């Protein structure tokens, strides 16, 4: 038996599970898919959705060869629509991937093969698989400029062009989503905030009116910020977050830590070894105290000269 196992892991894994949890709520999922696939028309309703097993593992067997494949999906919902069923998958993608159409093909192939193997061998003649649609929500900071379909990655002689089976990827860049086609307030709030951050001109005033619920703020911070910024948002006690205030505090904290790190390097270079007490003093110092250390360090002869600033 030949076994292949594969699981996609992003370089920064934090946003992926955060977005999974966010869109597993059926109301949000339905609203997003209505926006992406149906231009905002209410085709999907949360009452018609049920969470489907997202573990895309299956076995491909042919005569003497048996191959096991495991490729985890992010979210899969079963849609019951007028007595018919449909499976819709949502993949969250942080980085630009030129193999995305191929990955979607693999996801969908596995899902169809799973259905095939769930049917008794005597019933396969009358087997009708549930259709599968996979959407990709790309939330990286760069513009998506990679192919949307399988054949875009191929060089095909013109005479054969229409003979090649294609596989189209429903890939959507979060920066290009028309929020006017969304209805769920959480989706509108989250996607508008992400778009605003990606368009940000480094002027904090432009973020002044960005007031988000804590749940949405965590998602936004996770997408656009680094891990430390996300943790800072999560530690906020209020259920309403002013992103301008939090980001301003975060930037100042980073600047302070950077200044402390630089001063520690200079002090170690000057005195060789410095005490834990001085390190602690620097790490808990005010901006004024750090500025005083900066002015004093050049003429300081001993560590005591620096310690006197904090006394």
C-alpha atoms as a PDB file:
ATOM      1  CA  UNK A   1       0.000   0.000   0.000  1.00  0.00           C
ATOM      2  CA  UNK A   2       1.390   3.389  -1.037  1.00  0.00           C
ATOM      3  CA  UNK A   3       0.493   6.199   1.380  1.00  0.00           C
ATOM      4  CA  UNK A   4       0.621   9.920   0.757  1.00  0.00           C
ATOM      5  CA  UNK A   5      -0.166  12.327   3.594  1.00  0.00           C
ATOM      6  CA  UNK A   6      -0.260  16.073   3.189  1.00  0.00           C
ATOM      7  CA  UNK A   7      -1.510  18.939   5.294  1.00  0.00           C
ATOM      8  CA  UNK A   8      -1.127  22.566   4.328  1.00  0.00           C
ATOM      9  CA  UNK A   9       0.516  24.651   7.045  1.00  0.00           C
ATOM     10  CA  UNK A  10       0.903  28.396   6.619  1.00  0.00           C
ATOM     11  CA  UNK A  11       4.110  30.074   7.720  1.00  0.00           C
ATOM     12  CA  UNK A  12       2.044  32.083  10.172  1.00  0.00           C
ATOM     13  CA  UNK A  13      -0.645  29.655  11.352  1.00  0.00           C
ATOM     14  CA  UNK A  14      -2.474  32.097  13.626  1.00  0.00           C
ATOM     15  CA  UNK A  15      -4.918  33.674  11.111  1.00  0.00           C
ATOM     16  CA  UNK A  16      -6.078  30.363   9.652  1.00  0.00           C
ATOM     17  CA  UNK A  17      -7.783  28.863  12.745  1.00  0.00           C
ATOM     18  CA  UNK A  18      -9.098  32.320  13.689  1.00  0.00           C
ATOM     19  CA  UNK A  19     -10.878  32.688  10.337  1.00  0.00           C
ATOM     20  CA  UNK A  20     -12.086  29.079  10.495  1.00  0.00           C
ATOM     21  CA  UNK A  21     -13.817  29.778  13.804  1.00  0.00           C
ATOM     22  CA  UNK A  22     -15.199  33.080  12.517  1.00  0.00           C
ATOM     23  CA  UNK A  23     -16.804  31.656   9.367  1.00  0.00           C
ATOM     24  CA  UNK A  24     -17.983  28.411  10.948  1.00  0.00           C
ATOM     25  CA  UNK A  25     -20.894  30.470  12.214  1.00  0.00           C
ATOM     26  CA  UNK A  26     -23.526  29.660   9.612  1.00  0.00           C
ATOM     27  CA  UNK A  27     -24.974  33.188   9.343  1.00  0.00           C
ATOM     28  CA  UNK A  28     -21.554  34.635   8.500  1.00  0.00           C
ATOM     29  CA  UNK A  29     -20.726  31.798   6.117  1.00  0.00           C
ATOM     30  CA  UNK A  30     -24.007  32.168   4.211  1.00  0.00           C
ATOM     31  CA  UNK A  31     -23.592  35.930   3.936  1.00  0.00           C
ATOM     32  CA  UNK A  32     -19.999  35.664   2.667  1.00  0.00           C
ATOM     33  CA  UNK A  33     -20.858  33.024   0.051  1.00  0.00           C
ATOM     34  CA  UNK A  34     -23.875  35.043  -1.092  1.00  0.00           C
ATOM     35  CA  UNK A  35     -21.504  37.954  -1.645  1.00  0.00           C
ATOM     36  CA  UNK A  36     -18.757  35.971  -3.378  1.00  0.00           C
ATOM     37  CA  UNK A  37     -20.846  33.707  -5.608  1.00  0.00           C
ATOM     38  CA  UNK A  38     -24.198  35.471  -5.996  1.00  0.00           C
ATOM     39  CA  UNK A  39     -23.327  39.198  -5.972  1.00  0.00           C
ATOM     40  CA  UNK A  40     -25.070  39.744  -2.650  1.00  0.00           C
ATOM     41  CA  UNK A  41     -28.378  38.056  -3.529  1.00  0.00           C
ATOM     42  CA  UNK A  42     -29.773  35.943  -0.697  1.00  0.00           C
ATOM     43  CA  UNK A  43     -29.449  32.462  -2.148  1.00  0.00           C
ATOM     44  CA  UNK A  44     -28.020  30.724   0.910  1.00  0.00           C
ATOM     45  CA  UNK A  45     -29.708  30.919   4.316  1.00  0.00           C
ATOM     46  CA  UNK A  46     -28.221  29.681   7.553  1.00  0.00           C
ATOM     47  CA  UNK A  47     -31.273  27.443   8.090  1.00  0.00           C
ATOM     48  CA  UNK A  48     -30.257  25.458   4.997  1.00  0.00           C
ATOM     49  CA  UNK A  49     -26.646  24.945   6.087  1.00  0.00           C
ATOM     50  CA  UNK A  50     -25.042  22.214   8.125  1.00  0.00           C
ATOM     51  CA  UNK A  51     -21.363  21.767   8.940  1.00  0.00           C
ATOM     52  CA  UNK A  52     -19.884  18.953   6.848  1.00  0.00           C
ATOM     53  CA  UNK A  53     -16.836  16.851   7.685  1.00  0.00           C
ATOM     54  CA  UNK A  54     -13.842  18.911   6.535  1.00  0.00           C
ATOM     55  CA  UNK A  55     -11.390  16.020   6.844  1.00  0.00           C
ATOM     56  CA  UNK A  56     -10.570  15.415   3.185  1.00  0.00           C
ATOM     57  CA  UNK A  57      -9.004  11.982   3.430  1.00  0.00           C
ATOM     58  CA  UNK A  58      -9.754   9.190   0.999  1.00  0.00           C
ATOM     59  CA  UNK A  59      -8.329   6.110  -0.688  1.00  0.00           C
ATOM     60  CA  UNK A  60      -7.784   5.840  -4.418  1.00  0.00           C
ATOM     61  CA  UNK A  61      -7.608   2.208  -5.410  1.00  0.00           C
ATOM     62  CA  UNK A  62      -7.063   0.675  -8.810  1.00  0.00           C
ATOM     63  CA  UNK A  63      -6.280  -3.022  -9.110  1.00  0.00           C
ATOM     64  CA  UNK A  64      -3.000  -3.630  -7.247  1.00  0.00           C
ATOM     65  CA  UNK A  65      -2.356   0.015  -6.386  1.00  0.00           C
ATOM     66  CA  UNK A  66      -3.947   1.673  -3.370  1.00  0.00           C
ATOM     67  CA  UNK A  67      -3.142   5.267  -2.428  1.00  0.00           C
ATOM     68  CA  UNK A  68      -4.301   7.049   0.717  1.00  0.00           C
ATOM     69  CA  UNK A  69      -4.506  10.848   0.551  1.00  0.00           C
ATOM     70  CA  UNK A  70      -5.186  13.245   3.402  1.00  0.00           C
ATOM     71  CA  UNK A  71      -5.621  16.976   2.746  1.00  0.00           C
ATOM     72  CA  UNK A  72      -7.469  18.981   5.390  1.00  0.00           C
ATOM     73  CA  UNK A  73     -10.047  21.559   4.330  1.00  0.00           C
ATOM     74  CA  UNK A  74     -10.782  24.682   6.346  1.00  0.00           C
ATOM     75  CA  UNK A  75     -14.591  24.721   6.281  1.00  0.00           C
ATOM     76  CA  UNK A  76     -17.141  22.627   4.424  1.00  0.00           C
ATOM     77  CA  UNK A  77     -20.889  23.252   4.558  1.00  0.00           C
ATOM     78  CA  UNK A  78     -23.689  21.140   3.159  1.00  0.00           C
ATOM     79  CA  UNK A  79     -26.417  23.224   1.521  1.00  0.00           C
ATOM     80  CA  UNK A  80     -29.936  21.835   1.251  1.00  0.00           C
ATOM     81  CA  UNK A  81     -31.612  23.721  -1.572  1.00  0.00           C
ATOM     82  CA  UNK A  82     -35.090  22.814  -2.819  1.00  0.00           C
ATOM     83  CA  UNK A  83     -34.681  19.113  -1.942  1.00  0.00           C
ATOM     84  CA  UNK A  84     -31.243  19.084  -3.583  1.00  0.00           C
ATOM     85  CA  UNK A  85     -27.835  19.196  -1.920  1.00  0.00           C
ATOM     86  CA  UNK A  86     -24.604  21.056  -2.564  1.00  0.00           C
ATOM     87  CA  UNK A  87     -21.253  21.084  -0.763  1.00  0.00           C
ATOM     88  CA  UNK A  88     -19.455  24.424  -0.433  1.00  0.00           C
ATOM     89  CA  UNK A  89     -15.904  24.587   0.856  1.00  0.00           C
ATOM     90  CA  UNK A  90     -14.150  27.732   2.056  1.00  0.00           C
ATOM     91  CA  UNK A  91     -10.354  27.878   2.120  1.00  0.00           C
ATOM     92  CA  UNK A  92      -8.543  30.726   3.867  1.00  0.00           C
ATOM     93  CA  UNK A  93      -5.282  31.625   2.115  1.00  0.00           C
ATOM     94  CA  UNK A  94      -2.660  33.963   3.560  1.00  0.00           C
ATOM     95  CA  UNK A  95       0.046  33.716   0.896  1.00  0.00           C
ATOM     96  CA  UNK A  96      -0.026  33.920  -2.888  1.00  0.00           C
ATOM     97  CA  UNK A  97       0.116  30.394  -4.308  1.00  0.00           C
ATOM     98  CA  UNK A  98       0.491  29.759  -8.048  1.00  0.00           C
ATOM     99  CA  UNK A  99      -0.675  26.145  -7.508  1.00  0.00           C
ATOM    100  CA  UNK A 100      -4.027  27.210  -6.027  1.00  0.00           C
ATOM    101  CA  UNK A 101      -6.229  25.957  -8.928  1.00  0.00           C
ATOM    102  CA  UNK A 102      -4.455  22.604  -8.733  1.00  0.00           C
ATOM    103  CA  UNK A 103      -4.975  22.464  -4.967  1.00  0.00           C
ATOM    104  CA  UNK A 104      -8.686  23.167  -5.449  1.00  0.00           C
ATOM    105  CA  UNK A 105      -8.847  20.366  -8.007  1.00  0.00           C
ATOM    106  CA  UNK A 106      -7.275  18.000  -5.469  1.00  0.00           C
ATOM    107  CA  UNK A 107      -9.658  19.129  -2.698  1.00  0.00           C
ATOM    108  CA  UNK A 108     -12.701  18.582  -4.900  1.00  0.00           C
ATOM    109  CA  UNK A 109     -11.444  15.276  -6.300  1.00  0.00           C
ATOM    110  CA  UNK A 110     -10.958  13.939  -2.785  1.00  0.00           C
ATOM    111  CA  UNK A 111     -14.473  15.039  -1.766  1.00  0.00           C
ATOM    112  CA  UNK A 112     -16.024  13.324  -4.805  1.00  0.00           C
ATOM    113  CA  UNK A 113     -13.993  10.183  -4.156  1.00  0.00           C
ATOM    114  CA  UNK A 114     -15.117  10.180  -0.519  1.00  0.00           C
ATOM    115  CA  UNK A 115     -18.731  10.192  -1.676  1.00  0.00           C
ATOM    116  CA  UNK A 116     -18.046   7.388  -4.135  1.00  0.00           C
ATOM    117  CA  UNK A 117     -16.578   5.172  -1.398  1.00  0.00           C
ATOM    118  CA  UNK A 118     -19.496   5.850   0.938  1.00  0.00           C
ATOM    119  CA  UNK A 119     -21.836   4.083  -1.491  1.00  0.00           C
ATOM    120  CA  UNK A 120     -22.236   0.338  -1.428  1.00  0.00           C
ATOM    121  CA  UNK A 121     -20.523  -1.262  -4.424  1.00  0.00           C
ATOM    122  CA  UNK A 122     -23.820  -2.712  -5.660  1.00  0.00           C
ATOM    123  CA  UNK A 123     -25.427   0.760  -5.659  1.00  0.00           C
ATOM    124  CA  UNK A 124     -22.747   2.667  -7.573  1.00  0.00           C
ATOM    125  CA  UNK A 125     -24.541   2.308 -10.875  1.00  0.00           C
ATOM    126  CA  UNK A 126     -27.276   4.648  -9.632  1.00  0.00           C
ATOM    127  CA  UNK A 127     -24.912   6.866  -7.636  1.00  0.00           C
ATOM    128  CA  UNK A 128     -25.249  10.649  -8.120  1.00  0.00           C
ATOM    129  CA  UNK A 129     -22.551  12.616  -6.262  1.00  0.00           C
ATOM    130  CA  UNK A 130     -23.343  15.835  -4.436  1.00  0.00           C
ATOM    131  CA  UNK A 131     -21.851  18.762  -6.403  1.00  0.00           C
ATOM    132  CA  UNK A 132     -18.861  20.490  -4.806  1.00  0.00           C
ATOM    133  CA  UNK A 133     -17.878  24.162  -4.988  1.00  0.00           C
ATOM    134  CA  UNK A 134     -14.692  25.451  -3.370  1.00  0.00           C
ATOM    135  CA  UNK A 135     -14.089  29.142  -2.656  1.00  0.00           C
ATOM    136  CA  UNK A 136     -10.766  30.633  -1.588  1.00  0.00           C
ATOM    137  CA  UNK A 137     -10.606  33.778   0.535  1.00  0.00           C
ATOM    138  CA  UNK A 138      -7.158  35.297   0.054  1.00  0.00           C
ATOM    139  CA  UNK A 139      -6.367  37.792   2.822  1.00  0.00           C
ATOM    140  CA  UNK A 140      -2.691  38.625   2.226  1.00  0.00           C
ATOM    141  CA  UNK A 141      -1.409  42.175   1.861  1.00  0.00           C
ATOM    142  CA  UNK A 142      -0.223  41.788  -1.747  1.00  0.00           C
ATOM    143  CA  UNK A 143      -2.472  41.787  -4.803  1.00  0.00           C
ATOM    144  CA  UNK A 144      -3.498  38.324  -6.047  1.00  0.00           C
ATOM    145  CA  UNK A 145      -1.925  38.056  -9.493  1.00  0.00           C
ATOM    146  CA  UNK A 146      -1.747  34.292  -9.841  1.00  0.00           C
ATOM    147  CA  UNK A 147      -3.941  32.068 -12.053  1.00  0.00           C
ATOM    148  CA  UNK A 148      -7.578  31.428 -11.281  1.00  0.00           C
ATOM    149  CA  UNK A 149      -7.849  28.298 -13.427  1.00  0.00           C
ATOM    150  CA  UNK A 150      -5.796  25.197 -14.145  1.00  0.00           C
ATOM    151  CA  UNK A 151      -5.261  25.894 -17.853  1.00  0.00           C
ATOM    152  CA  UNK A 152      -3.780  29.322 -17.097  1.00  0.00           C
ATOM    153  CA  UNK A 153      -0.730  27.397 -15.887  1.00  0.00           C
ATOM    154  CA  UNK A 154      -0.459  25.485 -19.175  1.00  0.00           C
ATOM    155  CA  UNK A 155       0.946  26.211 -22.606  1.00  0.00           C
ATOM    156  CA  UNK A 156      -1.615  24.566 -24.880  1.00  0.00           C
ATOM    157  CA  UNK A 157      -1.448  24.372 -28.689  1.00  0.00           C
ATOM    158  CA  UNK A 158      -4.417  26.321 -29.992  1.00  0.00           C
ATOM    159  CA  UNK A 159      -5.961  23.365 -31.821  1.00  0.00           C
ATOM    160  CA  UNK A 160      -6.188  21.436 -28.510  1.00  0.00           C
ATOM    161  CA  UNK A 161      -7.219  24.351 -26.299  1.00  0.00           C
ATOM    162  CA  UNK A 162     -10.905  23.448 -26.078  1.00  0.00           C
ATOM    163  CA  UNK A 163     -10.210  19.752 -25.540  1.00  0.00           C
ATOM    164  CA  UNK A 164      -8.442  20.216 -22.199  1.00  0.00           C
ATOM    165  CA  UNK A 165     -10.575  19.845 -19.099  1.00  0.00           C
ATOM    166  CA  UNK A 166     -10.191  22.945 -16.960  1.00  0.00           C
ATOM    167  CA  UNK A 167     -10.738  23.531 -13.266  1.00  0.00           C
ATOM    168  CA  UNK A 168     -11.698  27.038 -12.233  1.00  0.00           C
ATOM    169  CA  UNK A 169     -10.808  28.316  -8.777  1.00  0.00           C
ATOM    170  CA  UNK A 170     -13.257  30.657  -7.098  1.00  0.00           C
ATOM    171  CA  UNK A 171     -10.471  32.788  -5.636  1.00  0.00           C
ATOM    172  CA  UNK A 172     -11.394  36.101  -4.013  1.00  0.00           C
ATOM    173  CA  UNK A 173      -9.020  38.774  -2.761  1.00  0.00           C
ATOM    174  CA  UNK A 174     -10.385  40.251   0.481  1.00  0.00           C
ATOM    175  CA  UNK A 175      -9.147  43.691  -0.621  1.00  0.00           C
ATOM    176  CA  UNK A 176     -11.444  43.601  -3.686  1.00  0.00           C
ATOM    177  CA  UNK A 177     -14.655  42.433  -2.000  1.00  0.00           C
ATOM    178  CA  UNK A 178     -17.596  44.816  -2.452  1.00  0.00           C
ATOM    179  CA  UNK A 179     -18.811  45.222   1.142  1.00  0.00           C
ATOM    180  CA  UNK A 180     -22.087  46.714  -0.119  1.00  0.00           C
ATOM    181  CA  UNK A 181     -22.996  43.149  -1.149  1.00  0.00           C
ATOM    182  CA  UNK A 182     -22.627  41.901   2.419  1.00  0.00           C
ATOM    183  CA  UNK A 183     -25.431  41.945   4.983  1.00  0.00           C
ATOM    184  CA  UNK A 184     -24.056  40.430   8.163  1.00  0.00           C
ATOM    185  CA  UNK A 185     -22.696  43.230  10.402  1.00  0.00           C
ATOM    186  CA  UNK A 186     -19.710  41.148  11.552  1.00  0.00           C
ATOM    187  CA  UNK A 187     -18.651  40.423   7.957  1.00  0.00           C
ATOM    188  CA  UNK A 188     -19.053  44.067   6.947  1.00  0.00           C
ATOM    189  CA  UNK A 189     -17.127  45.273  10.001  1.00  0.00           C
ATOM    190  CA  UNK A 190     -14.296  42.755   9.564  1.00  0.00           C
ATOM    191  CA  UNK A 191     -13.743  43.110   5.812  1.00  0.00           C
ATOM    192  CA  UNK A 192     -14.075  46.923   5.848  1.00  0.00           C
ATOM    193  CA  UNK A 193     -11.496  47.108   8.644  1.00  0.00           C
ATOM    194  CA  UNK A 194      -9.038  44.809   6.847  1.00  0.00           C
ATOM    195  CA  UNK A 195      -9.407  46.824   3.638  1.00  0.00           C
ATOM    196  CA  UNK A 196      -8.886  50.056   5.557  1.00  0.00           C
ATOM    197  CA  UNK A 197      -5.714  48.763   7.206  1.00  0.00           C
ATOM    198  CA  UNK A 198      -4.299  47.566   3.880  1.00  0.00           C
ATOM    199  CA  UNK A 199      -4.978  51.015   2.395  1.00  0.00           C
ATOM    200  CA  UNK A 200      -3.592  52.750   5.488  1.00  0.00           C
ATOM    201  CA  UNK A 201      -1.259  55.705   4.847  1.00  0.00           C
ATOM    202  CA  UNK A 202       0.311  55.471   8.344  1.00  0.00           C
ATOM    203  CA  UNK A 203      -1.851  58.346   9.548  1.00  0.00           C
ATOM    204  CA  UNK A 204      -3.519  57.196  12.770  1.00  0.00           C
ATOM    205  CA  UNK A 205      -6.274  59.776  12.320  1.00  0.00           C
ATOM    206  CA  UNK A 206      -7.610  57.724   9.408  1.00  0.00           C
ATOM    207  CA  UNK A 207      -8.278  54.875  11.875  1.00  0.00           C
ATOM    208  CA  UNK A 208      -9.928  57.147  14.448  1.00  0.00           C
ATOM    209  CA  UNK A 209     -13.492  55.937  13.798  1.00  0.00           C
ATOM    210  CA  UNK A 210     -12.656  52.232  13.612  1.00  0.00           C
ATOM    211  CA  UNK A 211     -14.651  50.870  16.559  1.00  0.00           C
ATOM    212  CA  UNK A 212     -14.988  47.074  16.408  1.00  0.00           C
ATOM    213  CA  UNK A 213     -16.475  44.389  18.596  1.00  0.00           C
ATOM    214  CA  UNK A 214     -13.762  42.483  20.410  1.00  0.00           C
ATOM    215  CA  UNK A 215     -14.412  39.290  18.415  1.00  0.00           C
ATOM    216  CA  UNK A 216     -14.072  41.102  15.085  1.00  0.00           C
ATOM    217  CA  UNK A 217     -11.089  43.124  16.340  1.00  0.00           C
ATOM    218  CA  UNK A 218      -9.223  39.902  17.162  1.00  0.00           C
ATOM    219  CA  UNK A 219      -9.837  38.585  13.631  1.00  0.00           C
ATOM    220  CA  UNK A 220      -8.700  41.864  12.035  1.00  0.00           C
ATOM    221  CA  UNK A 221      -5.599  42.134  14.247  1.00  0.00           C
ATOM    222  CA  UNK A 222      -4.716  38.522  13.472  1.00  0.00           C
ATOM    223  CA  UNK A 223      -4.968  39.106   9.717  1.00  0.00           C
ATOM    224  CA  UNK A 224      -3.162  42.431   9.390  1.00  0.00           C
ATOM    225  CA  UNK A 225      -0.866  42.447  12.398  1.00  0.00           C
ATOM    226  CA  UNK A 226       1.746  40.247  13.909  1.00  0.00           C
ATOM    227  CA  UNK A 227       1.225  37.862  16.796  1.00  0.00           C
ATOM    228  CA  UNK A 228       2.052  40.439  19.477  1.00  0.00           C
ATOM    229  CA  UNK A 229      -0.500  42.921  18.145  1.00  0.00           C
ATOM    230  CA  UNK A 230      -3.156  40.198  18.088  1.00  0.00           C
ATOM    231  CA  UNK A 231      -2.356  39.242  21.691  1.00  0.00           C
ATOM    232  CA  UNK A 232      -2.628  42.888  22.751  1.00  0.00           C
ATOM    233  CA  UNK A 233      -6.127  43.137  21.237  1.00  0.00           C
ATOM    234  CA  UNK A 234      -7.179  39.893  22.918  1.00  0.00           C
ATOM    235  CA  UNK A 235      -6.054  41.235  26.306  1.00  0.00           C
ATOM    236  CA  UNK A 236      -8.282  44.302  26.012  1.00  0.00           C
ATOM    237  CA  UNK A 237     -11.061  44.105  28.598  1.00  0.00           C
ATOM    238  CA  UNK A 238     -13.662  46.137  26.730  1.00  0.00           C
ATOM    239  CA  UNK A 239     -16.093  44.417  24.354  1.00  0.00           C
ATOM    240  CA  UNK A 240     -15.729  47.379  21.990  1.00  0.00           C
ATOM    241  CA  UNK A 241     -12.238  48.105  20.693  1.00  0.00           C
ATOM    242  CA  UNK A 242     -11.008  51.411  19.329  1.00  0.00           C
ATOM    243  CA  UNK A 243      -8.436  50.086  16.872  1.00  0.00           C
ATOM    244  CA  UNK A 244      -6.768  53.473  16.530  1.00  0.00           C
ATOM    245  CA  UNK A 245      -6.078  53.690  20.275  1.00  0.00           C
ATOM    246  CA  UNK A 246      -4.914  50.085  20.546  1.00  0.00           C
ATOM    247  CA  UNK A 247      -2.663  50.373  17.502  1.00  0.00           C
ATOM    248  CA  UNK A 248      -1.200  53.636  18.745  1.00  0.00           C
ATOM    249  CA  UNK A 249      -0.388  52.016  22.094  1.00  0.00           C
ATOM    250  CA  UNK A 250       1.063  48.997  20.318  1.00  0.00           C
ATOM    251  CA  UNK A 251       3.352  51.149  18.142  1.00  0.00           C
ATOM    252  CA  UNK A 252       4.548  53.099  21.197  1.00  0.00           C
ATOM    253  CA  UNK A 253       5.229  49.865  23.087  1.00  0.00           C
ATOM    254  CA  UNK A 254       7.258  48.541  20.153  1.00  0.00           C
ATOM    255  CA  UNK A 255       9.232  51.774  19.964  1.00  0.00           C
ATOM    256  CA  UNK A 256       9.900  51.606  23.726  1.00  0.00           C
ATOM    257  CA  UNK A 257      11.058  47.977  23.521  1.00  0.00           C
ATOM    258  CA  UNK A 258      13.279  48.834  20.576  1.00  0.00           C
ATOM    259  CA  UNK A 259      14.853  51.706  22.502  1.00  0.00           C
ATOM    260  CA  UNK A 260      15.373  49.509  25.583  1.00  0.00           C
ATOM    261  CA  UNK A 261      17.015  46.823  23.452  1.00  0.00           C
ATOM    262  CA  UNK A 262      19.368  49.363  21.878  1.00  0.00           C
ATOM    263  CA  UNK A 263      20.312  50.878  25.264  1.00  0.00           C
ATOM    264  CA  UNK A 264      21.001  47.430  26.727  1.00  0.00           C
ATOM    265  CA  UNK A 265      23.323  46.685  23.812  1.00  0.00           C
ATOM    266  CA  UNK A 266      25.176  49.982  24.314  1.00  0.00           C
ATOM    267  CA  UNK A 267      25.477  49.489  28.086  1.00  0.00           C
ATOM    268  CA  UNK A 268      26.808  45.939  27.710  1.00  0.00           C
ATOM    269  CA  UNK A 269      29.299  47.202  25.159  1.00  0.00           C
ATOM    270  CA  UNK A 270      30.423  49.966  27.550  1.00  0.00           C
ATOM    271  CA  UNK A 271      30.472  48.089  30.882  1.00  0.00           C
ATOM    272  CA  UNK A 272      30.784  44.464  29.751  1.00  0.00           C
ATOM    273  CA  UNK A 273      28.246  42.923  32.157  1.00  0.00           C
ATOM    274  CA  UNK A 274      25.268  44.780  33.620  1.00  0.00           C
ATOM    275  CA  UNK A 275      23.160  43.766  36.585  1.00  0.00           C
ATOM    276  CA  UNK A 276      19.700  42.182  36.424  1.00  0.00           C
ATOM    277  CA  UNK A 277      18.464  45.095  38.509  1.00  0.00           C
ATOM    278  CA  UNK A 278      19.458  47.613  35.826  1.00  0.00           C
ATOM    279  CA  UNK A 279      17.915  45.471  33.112  1.00  0.00           C
ATOM    280  CA  UNK A 280      14.653  45.376  35.083  1.00  0.00           C
ATOM    281  CA  UNK A 281      14.788  49.144  35.644  1.00  0.00           C
ATOM    282  CA  UNK A 282      15.224  49.785  31.920  1.00  0.00           C
ATOM    283  CA  UNK A 283      12.434  47.384  30.919  1.00  0.00           C
ATOM    284  CA  UNK A 284       9.992  49.136  33.265  1.00  0.00           C
ATOM    285  CA  UNK A 285      11.145  52.698  32.689  1.00  0.00           C
ATOM    286  CA  UNK A 286       9.176  55.657  31.366  1.00  0.00           C
ATOM    287  CA  UNK A 287       9.888  57.485  28.111  1.00  0.00           C
ATOM    288  CA  UNK A 288      11.477  60.363  30.049  1.00  0.00           C
ATOM    289  CA  UNK A 289      13.761  57.978  31.928  1.00  0.00           C
ATOM    290  CA  UNK A 290      14.868  56.286  28.698  1.00  0.00           C
ATOM    291  CA  UNK A 291      15.604  59.677  27.180  1.00  0.00           C
ATOM    292  CA  UNK A 292      17.704  60.559  30.252  1.00  0.00           C
ATOM    293  CA  UNK A 293      19.622  57.272  29.952  1.00  0.00           C
ATOM    294  CA  UNK A 294      20.318  58.081  26.307  1.00  0.00           C
ATOM    295  CA  UNK A 295      21.771  61.464  27.267  1.00  0.00           C
ATOM    296  CA  UNK A 296      23.808  60.059  30.181  1.00  0.00           C
ATOM    297  CA  UNK A 297      25.256  56.894  28.653  1.00  0.00           C
ATOM    298  CA  UNK A 298      28.068  58.602  26.743  1.00  0.00           C
ATOM    299  CA  UNK A 299      29.651  60.180  29.838  1.00  0.00           C
ATOM    300  CA  UNK A 300      28.698  57.461  32.331  1.00  0.00           C
ATOM    301  CA  UNK A 301      31.703  55.849  34.008  1.00  0.00           C
ATOM    302  CA  UNK A 302      29.935  53.164  36.013  1.00  0.00           C
ATOM    303  CA  UNK A 303      26.598  51.400  36.122  1.00  0.00           C
ATOM    304  CA  UNK A 304      25.823  53.461  39.213  1.00  0.00           C
ATOM    305  CA  UNK A 305      25.682  56.614  37.065  1.00  0.00           C
ATOM    306  CA  UNK A 306      22.802  55.036  35.130  1.00  0.00           C
ATOM    307  CA  UNK A 307      21.070  53.667  38.239  1.00  0.00           C
ATOM    308  CA  UNK A 308      20.984  57.167  39.743  1.00  0.00           C
ATOM    309  CA  UNK A 309      18.491  58.175  37.031  1.00  0.00           C
ATOM    310  CA  UNK A 310      15.901  55.810  38.527  1.00  0.00           C
ATOM    311  CA  UNK A 311      16.454  56.848  42.171  1.00  0.00           C
END
